[in-house]
């Protein structure tokens, strides 16, 4: 869980920094958005399940990693901003999968019921992005992108089903991460979306 959590923190910090640079924020703005995207979902999850103080406060490695990766992206902005759209989608999907798995597993560790643990995995994956978009004054992408939050929920569900069926923690985590990543990438490729009401 720690490895998935830290890896997700690093990935989402870079993604947050990219979003901030596209919005033409200064260095401080880039660092703040990187921190928010990397740790916002985890903080929300920890508060909801009673894991206080949140890891972002209690464990120095989380904020240090988020700020380091955000700063690195800023310094290497010419290379980072040149990444293709497909690269960013894969990066984002990987971060989503890592956080969905880590979030659901941590909720289980705190005795949270399976269904709510799935929700906590989803919140961990999408929470930072929602806060980012609110700060940047735009409709949260995770609420309108191709099966974004749904992919996190499916990944968390696979983890929990695997654990209840007696699959080893590592194998269950790998299966869950693969399910989330695959569903997210397929939804982007084929344009899959949940039903929505179109304003006439």
N, C-alpha and C. Protein backbone atom coordinates (compact mmCIF):
# COMPACT_ATOMS: atom_id res chain seq x y z
N UNK A 1 0.82 -1.20 0.00
CA UNK A 1 0.00 0.00 0.00
C UNK A 1 0.86 1.25 0.00
N UNK A 2 1.93 1.24 0.78
CA UNK A 2 2.82 2.40 0.84
C UNK A 2 3.45 2.69 -0.51
N UNK A 3 3.90 1.63 -1.19
CA UNK A 3 4.53 1.81 -2.51
C UNK A 3 3.53 2.40 -3.49
N UNK A 4 2.29 1.86 -3.51
CA UNK A 4 1.27 2.38 -4.42
C UNK A 4 0.92 3.82 -4.08
N UNK A 5 0.84 4.12 -2.80
CA UNK A 5 0.49 5.47 -2.36
C UNK A 5 1.56 6.48 -2.77
N UNK A 6 2.82 6.13 -2.55
CA UNK A 6 3.91 7.05 -2.90
C UNK A 6 4.05 7.19 -4.41
N UNK A 7 3.89 6.07 -5.13
CA UNK A 7 3.97 6.14 -6.59
C UNK A 7 2.85 7.01 -7.15
N UNK A 8 1.64 6.84 -6.62
CA UNK A 8 0.52 7.67 -7.05
C UNK A 8 0.75 9.13 -6.72
N UNK A 9 1.35 9.40 -5.57
CA UNK A 9 1.67 10.77 -5.18
C UNK A 9 2.61 11.42 -6.19
N UNK A 10 3.65 10.68 -6.59
CA UNK A 10 4.62 11.21 -7.54
C UNK A 10 3.96 11.49 -8.90
N UNK A 11 3.17 10.55 -9.37
CA UNK A 11 2.53 10.69 -10.68
C UNK A 11 1.56 11.87 -10.69
N UNK A 12 0.71 11.96 -9.68
CA UNK A 12 -0.29 13.02 -9.65
C UNK A 12 0.33 14.38 -9.37
N UNK A 13 1.46 14.42 -8.67
CA UNK A 13 2.14 15.70 -8.46
C UNK A 13 2.61 16.28 -9.79
N UNK A 14 3.16 15.43 -10.63
CA UNK A 14 3.60 15.87 -11.96
C UNK A 14 2.41 16.32 -12.79
N UNK A 15 1.33 15.55 -12.73
CA UNK A 15 0.14 15.91 -13.50
C UNK A 15 -0.43 17.25 -13.01
N UNK A 16 -0.44 17.44 -11.71
CA UNK A 16 -0.92 18.70 -11.16
C UNK A 16 -0.06 19.87 -11.59
N UNK A 17 1.24 19.67 -11.60
CA UNK A 17 2.16 20.72 -12.03
C UNK A 17 1.92 21.08 -13.49
N UNK A 18 1.66 20.07 -14.32
CA UNK A 18 1.40 20.32 -15.74
C UNK A 18 0.13 21.15 -15.91
N UNK A 19 -0.92 20.79 -15.16
CA UNK A 19 -2.18 21.55 -15.24
C UNK A 19 -1.96 23.00 -14.81
N UNK A 20 -1.16 23.19 -13.76
CA UNK A 20 -0.89 24.54 -13.28
C UNK A 20 -0.09 25.35 -14.29
N UNK A 21 0.88 24.71 -14.93
CA UNK A 21 1.68 25.43 -15.92
C UNK A 21 0.85 25.77 -17.15
N UNK A 22 -0.08 24.89 -17.53
CA UNK A 22 -0.98 25.20 -18.64
C UNK A 22 -1.88 26.39 -18.30
N UNK A 23 -2.16 26.57 -17.01
CA UNK A 23 -2.97 27.70 -16.57
C UNK A 23 -2.12 28.94 -16.30
N UNK A 24 -0.81 28.83 -16.61
CA UNK A 24 0.14 29.94 -16.50
C UNK A 24 0.30 30.45 -15.07
N UNK A 25 0.30 29.52 -14.12
CA UNK A 25 0.57 29.89 -12.73
C UNK A 25 2.06 30.02 -12.51
N UNK A 26 2.44 30.78 -11.48
CA UNK A 26 3.86 30.94 -11.17
C UNK A 26 4.35 29.73 -10.38
N UNK A 27 5.62 29.79 -9.94
CA UNK A 27 6.23 28.64 -9.26
C UNK A 27 5.42 28.24 -8.03
N UNK A 28 5.02 29.22 -7.22
CA UNK A 28 4.25 28.89 -6.03
C UNK A 28 2.94 28.23 -6.41
N UNK A 29 2.27 28.75 -7.42
CA UNK A 29 1.01 28.16 -7.87
C UNK A 29 1.19 26.73 -8.34
N UNK A 30 2.27 26.49 -9.06
CA UNK A 30 2.56 25.14 -9.54
C UNK A 30 2.76 24.19 -8.37
N UNK A 31 3.50 24.62 -7.36
CA UNK A 31 3.77 23.77 -6.21
C UNK A 31 2.49 23.48 -5.43
N UNK A 32 1.65 24.50 -5.28
CA UNK A 32 0.40 24.31 -4.55
C UNK A 32 -0.52 23.34 -5.28
N UNK A 33 -0.67 23.50 -6.58
CA UNK A 33 -1.54 22.60 -7.35
C UNK A 33 -0.98 21.18 -7.37
N UNK A 34 0.34 21.06 -7.48
CA UNK A 34 0.97 19.73 -7.43
C UNK A 34 0.66 19.05 -6.10
N UNK A 35 0.74 19.81 -5.01
CA UNK A 35 0.44 19.28 -3.68
C UNK A 35 -1.02 18.86 -3.59
N UNK A 36 -1.91 19.71 -4.08
CA UNK A 36 -3.34 19.44 -4.00
C UNK A 36 -3.71 18.17 -4.77
N UNK A 37 -3.22 18.07 -5.99
CA UNK A 37 -3.57 16.91 -6.82
C UNK A 37 -2.98 15.63 -6.24
N UNK A 38 -1.74 15.72 -5.74
CA UNK A 38 -1.07 14.54 -5.23
C UNK A 38 -1.66 14.04 -3.92
N UNK A 39 -2.11 14.96 -3.07
CA UNK A 39 -2.48 14.57 -1.71
C UNK A 39 -3.93 14.86 -1.33
N UNK A 40 -4.65 15.62 -2.17
CA UNK A 40 -6.01 16.00 -1.81
C UNK A 40 -6.94 14.81 -1.60
N UNK A 41 -6.88 13.83 -2.48
CA UNK A 41 -7.74 12.65 -2.35
C UNK A 41 -7.40 11.83 -1.12
N UNK A 42 -6.11 11.67 -0.85
CA UNK A 42 -5.69 10.90 0.31
C UNK A 42 -6.07 11.57 1.62
N UNK A 43 -5.93 12.90 1.67
CA UNK A 43 -6.32 13.64 2.87
C UNK A 43 -7.82 13.49 3.12
N UNK A 44 -8.60 13.64 2.06
CA UNK A 44 -10.05 13.49 2.19
C UNK A 44 -10.41 12.10 2.70
N UNK A 45 -9.80 11.08 2.14
CA UNK A 45 -10.04 9.70 2.58
C UNK A 45 -9.68 9.52 4.05
N UNK A 46 -8.50 9.98 4.44
CA UNK A 46 -8.04 9.79 5.81
C UNK A 46 -8.96 10.47 6.82
N UNK A 47 -9.43 11.66 6.47
CA UNK A 47 -10.36 12.35 7.37
C UNK A 47 -11.66 11.57 7.50
N UNK A 48 -12.16 11.04 6.38
CA UNK A 48 -13.44 10.33 6.39
C UNK A 48 -13.37 9.01 7.15
N UNK A 49 -12.23 8.32 7.10
CA UNK A 49 -12.14 7.02 7.78
C UNK A 49 -11.54 7.15 9.18
N UNK A 50 -11.21 8.36 9.59
CA UNK A 50 -10.67 8.56 10.93
C UNK A 50 -9.19 8.30 11.07
N UNK A 51 -8.46 8.29 9.95
CA UNK A 51 -7.01 8.09 9.99
C UNK A 51 -6.34 9.45 10.16
N UNK A 52 -6.42 9.99 11.35
CA UNK A 52 -5.90 11.33 11.60
C UNK A 52 -4.70 11.27 12.55
N UNK A 53 -3.73 12.18 12.36
CA UNK A 53 -3.67 13.14 11.25
C UNK A 53 -3.40 12.43 9.93
N UNK A 54 -3.85 13.01 8.81
CA UNK A 54 -3.64 12.37 7.50
C UNK A 54 -2.17 12.16 7.20
N UNK A 55 -1.87 11.18 6.34
CA UNK A 55 -0.48 10.90 5.98
C UNK A 55 0.24 12.12 5.43
N UNK A 56 -0.50 12.98 4.73
CA UNK A 56 0.12 14.18 4.16
C UNK A 56 0.67 15.09 5.24
N UNK A 57 0.18 14.94 6.47
CA UNK A 57 0.66 15.74 7.59
C UNK A 57 1.61 14.93 8.48
N UNK A 58 1.24 13.67 8.71
CA UNK A 58 1.99 12.85 9.66
C UNK A 58 3.28 12.27 9.08
N UNK A 59 3.34 12.04 7.79
CA UNK A 59 4.50 11.40 7.17
C UNK A 59 5.15 12.39 6.21
N UNK A 60 6.35 12.82 6.53
CA UNK A 60 7.03 13.87 5.75
C UNK A 60 7.29 13.44 4.32
N UNK A 61 7.32 12.13 4.06
CA UNK A 61 7.65 11.68 2.71
C UNK A 61 6.62 12.11 1.68
N UNK A 62 5.35 12.20 2.07
CA UNK A 62 4.30 12.54 1.13
C UNK A 62 4.41 13.99 0.63
N UNK A 63 4.42 14.98 1.54
CA UNK A 63 4.57 16.36 1.03
C UNK A 63 5.92 16.60 0.37
N UNK A 64 6.97 15.97 0.89
CA UNK A 64 8.30 16.15 0.30
C UNK A 64 8.32 15.63 -1.13
N UNK A 65 7.71 14.46 -1.34
CA UNK A 65 7.69 13.89 -2.68
C UNK A 65 6.83 14.73 -3.62
N UNK A 66 5.69 15.20 -3.13
CA UNK A 66 4.81 16.02 -3.96
C UNK A 66 5.50 17.31 -4.39
N UNK A 67 6.15 17.99 -3.44
CA UNK A 67 6.84 19.23 -3.77
C UNK A 67 8.04 18.98 -4.67
N UNK A 68 8.75 17.89 -4.43
CA UNK A 68 9.92 17.58 -5.26
C UNK A 68 9.50 17.33 -6.70
N UNK A 69 8.47 16.51 -6.90
CA UNK A 69 8.04 16.19 -8.25
C UNK A 69 7.44 17.41 -8.94
N UNK A 70 6.70 18.23 -8.18
CA UNK A 70 6.16 19.46 -8.75
C UNK A 70 7.26 20.41 -9.17
N UNK A 71 8.28 20.54 -8.31
CA UNK A 71 9.41 21.40 -8.64
C UNK A 71 10.21 20.88 -9.81
N UNK A 72 10.37 19.56 -9.86
CA UNK A 72 11.11 18.96 -10.97
C UNK A 72 10.39 19.20 -12.29
N UNK A 73 9.06 19.07 -12.28
CA UNK A 73 8.28 19.32 -13.48
C UNK A 73 8.41 20.78 -13.92
N UNK A 74 8.46 21.69 -12.94
CA UNK A 74 8.60 23.11 -13.26
C UNK A 74 9.97 23.39 -13.88
N UNK A 75 11.01 22.83 -13.30
CA UNK A 75 12.37 23.04 -13.81
C UNK A 75 12.51 22.46 -15.22
N UNK A 76 11.90 21.29 -15.42
CA UNK A 76 11.99 20.62 -16.72
C UNK A 76 10.75 20.89 -17.58
N UNK A 77 10.20 22.10 -17.46
CA UNK A 77 8.92 22.40 -18.10
C UNK A 77 8.94 22.24 -19.61
N UNK A 78 10.07 22.53 -20.25
CA UNK A 78 10.12 22.41 -21.71
C UNK A 78 9.87 20.97 -22.15
N UNK A 79 10.47 20.03 -21.43
CA UNK A 79 10.29 18.63 -21.76
C UNK A 79 8.90 18.14 -21.34
N UNK A 80 8.49 18.51 -20.13
CA UNK A 80 7.22 18.01 -19.58
C UNK A 80 6.03 18.52 -20.39
N UNK A 81 6.03 19.80 -20.73
CA UNK A 81 4.92 20.36 -21.48
C UNK A 81 4.88 19.86 -22.93
N UNK A 82 5.96 19.22 -23.36
CA UNK A 82 6.00 18.66 -24.70
C UNK A 82 5.47 17.25 -24.79
N UNK A 83 5.09 16.68 -23.63
CA UNK A 83 4.56 15.32 -23.66
C UNK A 83 3.26 15.28 -24.46
N UNK A 84 3.06 14.19 -25.16
CA UNK A 84 1.86 14.04 -25.98
C UNK A 84 0.63 13.81 -25.11
N UNK A 85 -0.53 14.01 -25.72
CA UNK A 85 -1.78 13.78 -25.00
C UNK A 85 -1.92 12.34 -24.55
N UNK A 86 -1.48 11.40 -25.38
CA UNK A 86 -1.59 9.98 -25.02
C UNK A 86 -0.70 9.65 -23.83
N UNK A 87 0.47 10.27 -23.77
CA UNK A 87 1.37 10.05 -22.62
C UNK A 87 0.72 10.53 -21.33
N UNK A 88 0.10 11.70 -21.38
CA UNK A 88 -0.56 12.25 -20.20
C UNK A 88 -1.74 11.39 -19.77
N UNK A 89 -2.47 10.84 -20.74
CA UNK A 89 -3.61 9.99 -20.41
C UNK A 89 -3.14 8.72 -19.70
N UNK A 90 -2.07 8.11 -20.20
CA UNK A 90 -1.53 6.91 -19.57
C UNK A 90 -1.00 7.23 -18.18
N UNK A 91 -0.30 8.35 -18.05
CA UNK A 91 0.23 8.77 -16.75
C UNK A 91 -0.90 8.97 -15.76
N UNK A 92 -1.95 9.65 -16.20
CA UNK A 92 -3.09 9.91 -15.33
C UNK A 92 -3.79 8.62 -14.94
N UNK A 93 -3.96 7.71 -15.90
CA UNK A 93 -4.62 6.44 -15.62
C UNK A 93 -3.81 5.61 -14.63
N UNK A 94 -2.48 5.66 -14.75
CA UNK A 94 -1.63 4.93 -13.82
C UNK A 94 -1.77 5.49 -12.40
N UNK A 95 -1.77 6.82 -12.28
CA UNK A 95 -1.96 7.43 -10.97
C UNK A 95 -3.31 7.08 -10.38
N UNK A 96 -4.34 7.10 -11.22
CA UNK A 96 -5.68 6.75 -10.78
C UNK A 96 -5.73 5.32 -10.24
N UNK A 97 -5.11 4.40 -10.95
CA UNK A 97 -5.10 3.00 -10.54
C UNK A 97 -4.36 2.82 -9.21
N UNK A 98 -3.21 3.46 -9.08
CA UNK A 98 -2.43 3.35 -7.85
C UNK A 98 -3.20 3.86 -6.65
N UNK A 99 -3.83 5.02 -6.79
CA UNK A 99 -4.56 5.61 -5.68
C UNK A 99 -5.85 4.85 -5.36
N UNK A 100 -6.53 4.34 -6.37
CA UNK A 100 -7.75 3.58 -6.12
C UNK A 100 -7.45 2.33 -5.29
N UNK A 101 -6.37 1.66 -5.65
CA UNK A 101 -5.96 0.45 -4.92
C UNK A 101 -5.52 0.80 -3.50
N UNK A 102 -4.65 1.79 -3.37
CA UNK A 102 -4.15 2.16 -2.05
C UNK A 102 -5.26 2.68 -1.15
N UNK A 103 -6.16 3.47 -1.72
CA UNK A 103 -7.25 4.03 -0.93
C UNK A 103 -8.20 2.97 -0.41
N UNK A 104 -8.57 2.03 -1.27
CA UNK A 104 -9.48 0.97 -0.85
C UNK A 104 -8.83 0.07 0.20
N UNK A 105 -7.55 -0.24 0.00
CA UNK A 105 -6.86 -1.11 0.95
C UNK A 105 -6.73 -0.44 2.32
N UNK A 106 -6.43 0.85 2.33
CA UNK A 106 -6.30 1.53 3.61
C UNK A 106 -7.64 1.57 4.33
N UNK A 107 -8.71 1.79 3.59
CA UNK A 107 -10.04 1.79 4.20
C UNK A 107 -10.35 0.43 4.82
N UNK A 108 -10.00 -0.64 4.12
CA UNK A 108 -10.21 -1.98 4.67
C UNK A 108 -9.39 -2.17 5.95
N UNK A 109 -8.16 -1.67 5.93
CA UNK A 109 -7.30 -1.80 7.10
C UNK A 109 -7.89 -1.11 8.32
N UNK A 110 -8.72 -0.10 8.09
CA UNK A 110 -9.34 0.63 9.19
C UNK A 110 -10.73 0.10 9.53
N UNK A 111 -11.05 -1.08 9.00
CA UNK A 111 -12.30 -1.73 9.35
C UNK A 111 -13.53 -1.16 8.67
N UNK A 112 -13.32 -0.44 7.57
CA UNK A 112 -14.45 0.13 6.84
C UNK A 112 -15.13 -0.98 6.04
N UNK A 113 -16.46 -0.93 5.93
CA UNK A 113 -17.20 -1.95 5.19
C UNK A 113 -16.79 -1.95 3.71
N UNK A 114 -16.92 -3.10 3.04
CA UNK A 114 -16.44 -3.21 1.66
C UNK A 114 -16.97 -2.15 0.70
N UNK A 115 -18.28 -1.90 0.70
CA UNK A 115 -18.82 -0.94 -0.26
C UNK A 115 -18.27 0.45 0.01
N UNK A 116 -18.23 0.85 1.25
CA UNK A 116 -17.69 2.17 1.58
C UNK A 116 -16.20 2.23 1.26
N UNK A 117 -15.49 1.11 1.42
CA UNK A 117 -14.07 1.06 1.05
C UNK A 117 -13.89 1.30 -0.44
N UNK A 118 -14.83 0.80 -1.25
CA UNK A 118 -14.78 1.08 -2.69
C UNK A 118 -14.92 2.58 -2.94
N UNK A 119 -15.84 3.20 -2.21
CA UNK A 119 -16.02 4.65 -2.35
C UNK A 119 -14.76 5.40 -1.92
N UNK A 120 -14.12 4.91 -0.86
CA UNK A 120 -12.89 5.57 -0.38
C UNK A 120 -11.76 5.44 -1.40
N UNK A 121 -11.70 4.28 -2.07
CA UNK A 121 -10.73 4.11 -3.14
C UNK A 121 -10.98 5.09 -4.28
N UNK A 122 -12.26 5.26 -4.61
CA UNK A 122 -12.63 6.20 -5.66
C UNK A 122 -12.28 7.63 -5.27
N UNK A 123 -12.61 8.01 -4.04
CA UNK A 123 -12.31 9.36 -3.56
C UNK A 123 -10.81 9.61 -3.57
N UNK A 124 -10.04 8.61 -3.17
CA UNK A 124 -8.59 8.77 -3.18
C UNK A 124 -8.08 9.05 -4.59
N UNK A 125 -8.67 8.35 -5.57
CA UNK A 125 -8.22 8.52 -6.94
C UNK A 125 -8.63 9.83 -7.58
N UNK A 126 -9.83 10.31 -7.27
CA UNK A 126 -10.35 11.48 -7.99
C UNK A 126 -10.37 12.76 -7.15
N UNK A 127 -10.21 12.63 -5.83
CA UNK A 127 -10.37 13.80 -4.96
C UNK A 127 -9.43 14.95 -5.27
N UNK A 128 -8.16 14.63 -5.51
CA UNK A 128 -7.20 15.69 -5.82
C UNK A 128 -7.53 16.43 -7.09
N UNK A 129 -7.99 15.68 -8.10
CA UNK A 129 -8.36 16.31 -9.37
C UNK A 129 -9.57 17.22 -9.24
N UNK A 130 -10.52 16.80 -8.41
CA UNK A 130 -11.71 17.63 -8.19
C UNK A 130 -11.32 18.95 -7.53
N UNK A 131 -10.49 18.87 -6.49
CA UNK A 131 -10.05 20.08 -5.79
C UNK A 131 -9.25 20.98 -6.73
N UNK A 132 -8.40 20.36 -7.54
CA UNK A 132 -7.61 21.13 -8.52
C UNK A 132 -8.50 21.93 -9.44
N UNK A 133 -9.51 21.29 -9.99
CA UNK A 133 -10.39 21.96 -10.95
C UNK A 133 -11.21 23.06 -10.28
N UNK A 134 -11.60 22.84 -9.03
CA UNK A 134 -12.32 23.89 -8.31
C UNK A 134 -11.41 25.11 -8.11
N UNK A 135 -10.16 24.86 -7.72
CA UNK A 135 -9.20 25.96 -7.53
C UNK A 135 -8.96 26.69 -8.84
N UNK A 136 -8.92 25.94 -9.95
CA UNK A 136 -8.66 26.54 -11.26
C UNK A 136 -9.95 27.03 -11.94
N UNK A 137 -11.05 27.00 -11.19
CA UNK A 137 -12.34 27.55 -11.64
C UNK A 137 -12.85 26.89 -12.92
N UNK A 138 -12.91 25.56 -12.91
CA UNK A 138 -13.48 24.85 -14.05
C UNK A 138 -14.26 23.64 -13.55
N UNK A 139 -15.15 23.14 -14.39
CA UNK A 139 -15.94 21.96 -14.02
C UNK A 139 -14.98 20.78 -13.86
N UNK A 140 -15.06 20.06 -12.73
CA UNK A 140 -14.14 18.94 -12.52
C UNK A 140 -14.14 17.96 -13.68
N UNK A 141 -12.96 17.72 -14.22
CA UNK A 141 -12.82 16.82 -15.36
C UNK A 141 -13.27 15.42 -15.00
N UNK A 142 -13.01 15.00 -13.76
CA UNK A 142 -13.31 13.63 -13.36
C UNK A 142 -14.81 13.34 -13.39
N UNK A 143 -15.64 14.38 -13.40
CA UNK A 143 -17.08 14.19 -13.42
C UNK A 143 -17.65 14.15 -14.83
N UNK A 144 -16.81 14.40 -15.83
CA UNK A 144 -17.31 14.39 -17.20
C UNK A 144 -16.42 13.62 -18.16
N UNK A 145 -15.25 13.18 -17.71
CA UNK A 145 -14.35 12.42 -18.58
C UNK A 145 -14.85 10.99 -18.76
N UNK A 146 -14.30 10.31 -19.75
CA UNK A 146 -14.71 8.95 -20.09
C UNK A 146 -14.44 7.98 -18.93
N UNK A 147 -15.48 7.57 -18.25
CA UNK A 147 -15.40 6.54 -17.19
C UNK A 147 -14.20 6.76 -16.26
N UNK A 148 -14.03 7.96 -15.76
CA UNK A 148 -12.87 8.26 -14.91
C UNK A 148 -13.10 7.75 -13.49
N UNK A 149 -14.07 8.34 -12.80
CA UNK A 149 -14.36 7.89 -11.44
C UNK A 149 -14.84 6.44 -11.45
N UNK A 150 -15.55 6.06 -12.50
CA UNK A 150 -16.06 4.68 -12.60
C UNK A 150 -14.90 3.68 -12.66
N UNK A 151 -13.83 4.04 -13.34
CA UNK A 151 -12.66 3.15 -13.43
C UNK A 151 -12.04 2.95 -12.05
N UNK A 152 -11.95 4.04 -11.28
CA UNK A 152 -11.41 3.93 -9.93
C UNK A 152 -12.29 3.04 -9.06
N UNK A 153 -13.60 3.19 -9.21
CA UNK A 153 -14.54 2.38 -8.42
C UNK A 153 -14.40 0.90 -8.79
N UNK A 154 -14.28 0.60 -10.07
CA UNK A 154 -14.12 -0.79 -10.51
C UNK A 154 -12.82 -1.36 -9.98
N UNK A 155 -11.73 -0.59 -10.04
CA UNK A 155 -10.46 -1.06 -9.51
C UNK A 155 -10.55 -1.37 -8.03
N UNK A 156 -11.18 -0.48 -7.27
CA UNK A 156 -11.35 -0.71 -5.83
C UNK A 156 -12.21 -1.94 -5.58
N UNK A 157 -13.24 -2.14 -6.40
CA UNK A 157 -14.12 -3.30 -6.25
C UNK A 157 -13.37 -4.60 -6.51
N UNK A 158 -12.51 -4.60 -7.54
CA UNK A 158 -11.72 -5.80 -7.85
C UNK A 158 -10.79 -6.13 -6.70
N UNK A 159 -10.18 -5.12 -6.10
CA UNK A 159 -9.30 -5.35 -4.96
C UNK A 159 -10.06 -6.02 -3.82
N UNK A 160 -11.21 -5.48 -3.50
CA UNK A 160 -11.97 -6.00 -2.36
C UNK A 160 -12.50 -7.40 -2.65
N UNK A 161 -12.98 -7.65 -3.86
CA UNK A 161 -13.45 -9.00 -4.21
C UNK A 161 -12.30 -10.00 -4.15
N UNK A 162 -11.14 -9.57 -4.64
CA UNK A 162 -9.98 -10.45 -4.59
C UNK A 162 -9.59 -10.82 -3.17
N UNK A 163 -9.58 -9.82 -2.28
CA UNK A 163 -9.24 -10.09 -0.89
C UNK A 163 -10.25 -11.01 -0.22
N UNK A 164 -11.54 -10.81 -0.52
CA UNK A 164 -12.58 -11.65 0.09
C UNK A 164 -12.54 -13.08 -0.45
N UNK A 165 -11.98 -13.26 -1.66
CA UNK A 165 -11.85 -14.59 -2.24
C UNK A 165 -10.55 -15.27 -1.83
N UNK A 166 -9.76 -14.60 -1.00
CA UNK A 166 -8.52 -15.20 -0.50
C UNK A 166 -7.30 -14.98 -1.35
N UNK A 167 -7.39 -14.10 -2.34
CA UNK A 167 -6.22 -13.79 -3.16
C UNK A 167 -5.23 -13.01 -2.32
N UNK A 168 -3.94 -13.25 -2.54
CA UNK A 168 -2.92 -12.57 -1.74
C UNK A 168 -3.01 -11.06 -1.95
N UNK A 169 -2.61 -10.27 -0.94
CA UNK A 169 -2.71 -8.82 -1.05
C UNK A 169 -2.02 -8.25 -2.28
N UNK A 170 -0.82 -8.74 -2.59
CA UNK A 170 -0.08 -8.21 -3.73
C UNK A 170 -0.78 -8.56 -5.04
N UNK A 171 -1.22 -9.82 -5.16
CA UNK A 171 -1.90 -10.24 -6.39
C UNK A 171 -3.22 -9.49 -6.56
N UNK A 172 -3.95 -9.30 -5.48
CA UNK A 172 -5.22 -8.57 -5.56
C UNK A 172 -4.98 -7.12 -5.97
N UNK A 173 -3.92 -6.52 -5.43
CA UNK A 173 -3.59 -5.15 -5.78
C UNK A 173 -3.21 -5.03 -7.25
N UNK A 174 -2.44 -5.97 -7.75
CA UNK A 174 -2.03 -5.95 -9.15
C UNK A 174 -3.23 -6.13 -10.08
N UNK A 175 -4.11 -7.05 -9.74
CA UNK A 175 -5.31 -7.27 -10.55
C UNK A 175 -6.20 -6.03 -10.54
N UNK A 176 -6.35 -5.43 -9.37
CA UNK A 176 -7.20 -4.25 -9.26
C UNK A 176 -6.62 -3.08 -10.04
N UNK A 177 -5.32 -2.86 -9.91
CA UNK A 177 -4.68 -1.78 -10.65
C UNK A 177 -4.79 -1.98 -12.15
N UNK A 178 -4.61 -3.23 -12.58
CA UNK A 178 -4.72 -3.53 -14.01
C UNK A 178 -6.15 -3.30 -14.51
N UNK A 179 -7.13 -3.66 -13.69
CA UNK A 179 -8.54 -3.47 -14.09
C UNK A 179 -8.85 -1.99 -14.24
N UNK A 180 -8.42 -1.18 -13.28
CA UNK A 180 -8.67 0.25 -13.34
C UNK A 180 -7.97 0.88 -14.53
N UNK A 181 -6.71 0.56 -14.71
CA UNK A 181 -5.92 1.12 -15.80
C UNK A 181 -6.51 0.73 -17.15
N UNK A 182 -6.85 -0.55 -17.31
CA UNK A 182 -7.38 -1.04 -18.59
C UNK A 182 -8.71 -0.39 -18.92
N UNK A 183 -9.61 -0.34 -17.94
CA UNK A 183 -10.92 0.26 -18.19
C UNK A 183 -10.80 1.73 -18.55
N UNK A 184 -9.94 2.44 -17.86
CA UNK A 184 -9.76 3.87 -18.15
C UNK A 184 -9.22 4.09 -19.56
N UNK A 185 -8.20 3.33 -19.94
CA UNK A 185 -7.61 3.50 -21.26
C UNK A 185 -8.58 3.07 -22.37
N UNK A 186 -9.31 1.99 -22.14
CA UNK A 186 -10.30 1.56 -23.13
C UNK A 186 -11.41 2.59 -23.28
N UNK A 187 -11.83 3.18 -22.17
CA UNK A 187 -12.91 4.17 -22.25
C UNK A 187 -12.48 5.40 -23.04
N UNK A 188 -11.20 5.78 -22.90
CA UNK A 188 -10.69 6.90 -23.68
C UNK A 188 -10.61 6.53 -25.16
N UNK A 189 -10.10 5.34 -25.43
CA UNK A 189 -9.91 4.91 -26.82
C UNK A 189 -11.24 4.80 -27.56
N UNK A 190 -12.24 4.22 -26.89
CA UNK A 190 -13.53 3.98 -27.56
C UNK A 190 -14.57 5.05 -27.25
N UNK A 191 -14.23 6.01 -26.39
CA UNK A 191 -15.16 7.08 -26.07
C UNK A 191 -16.32 6.64 -25.21
N UNK A 192 -16.10 5.61 -24.36
CA UNK A 192 -17.18 5.13 -23.50
C UNK A 192 -17.51 6.18 -22.45
N UNK A 193 -18.78 6.40 -22.21
CA UNK A 193 -19.22 7.33 -21.18
C UNK A 193 -20.47 6.80 -20.51
N UNK A 194 -20.69 7.23 -19.29
CA UNK A 194 -21.95 6.93 -18.62
C UNK A 194 -23.05 7.79 -19.25
N UNK A 195 -24.29 7.36 -19.14
CA UNK A 195 -25.40 8.15 -19.70
C UNK A 195 -25.45 9.54 -19.08
N UNK A 196 -25.81 10.52 -19.87
CA UNK A 196 -25.97 11.88 -19.37
C UNK A 196 -27.18 12.52 -20.04
N UNK A 197 -27.74 13.50 -19.38
CA UNK A 197 -28.89 14.23 -19.92
C UNK A 197 -28.38 15.40 -20.75
N UNK A 198 -28.81 15.47 -21.99
CA UNK A 198 -28.40 16.55 -22.88
C UNK A 198 -29.45 17.64 -22.87
N UNK A 199 -29.00 18.87 -22.67
CA UNK A 199 -29.92 20.00 -22.64
C UNK A 199 -30.44 20.28 -24.05
N UNK A 200 -31.75 20.20 -24.23
CA UNK A 200 -32.33 20.44 -25.55
C UNK A 200 -32.22 21.90 -25.92
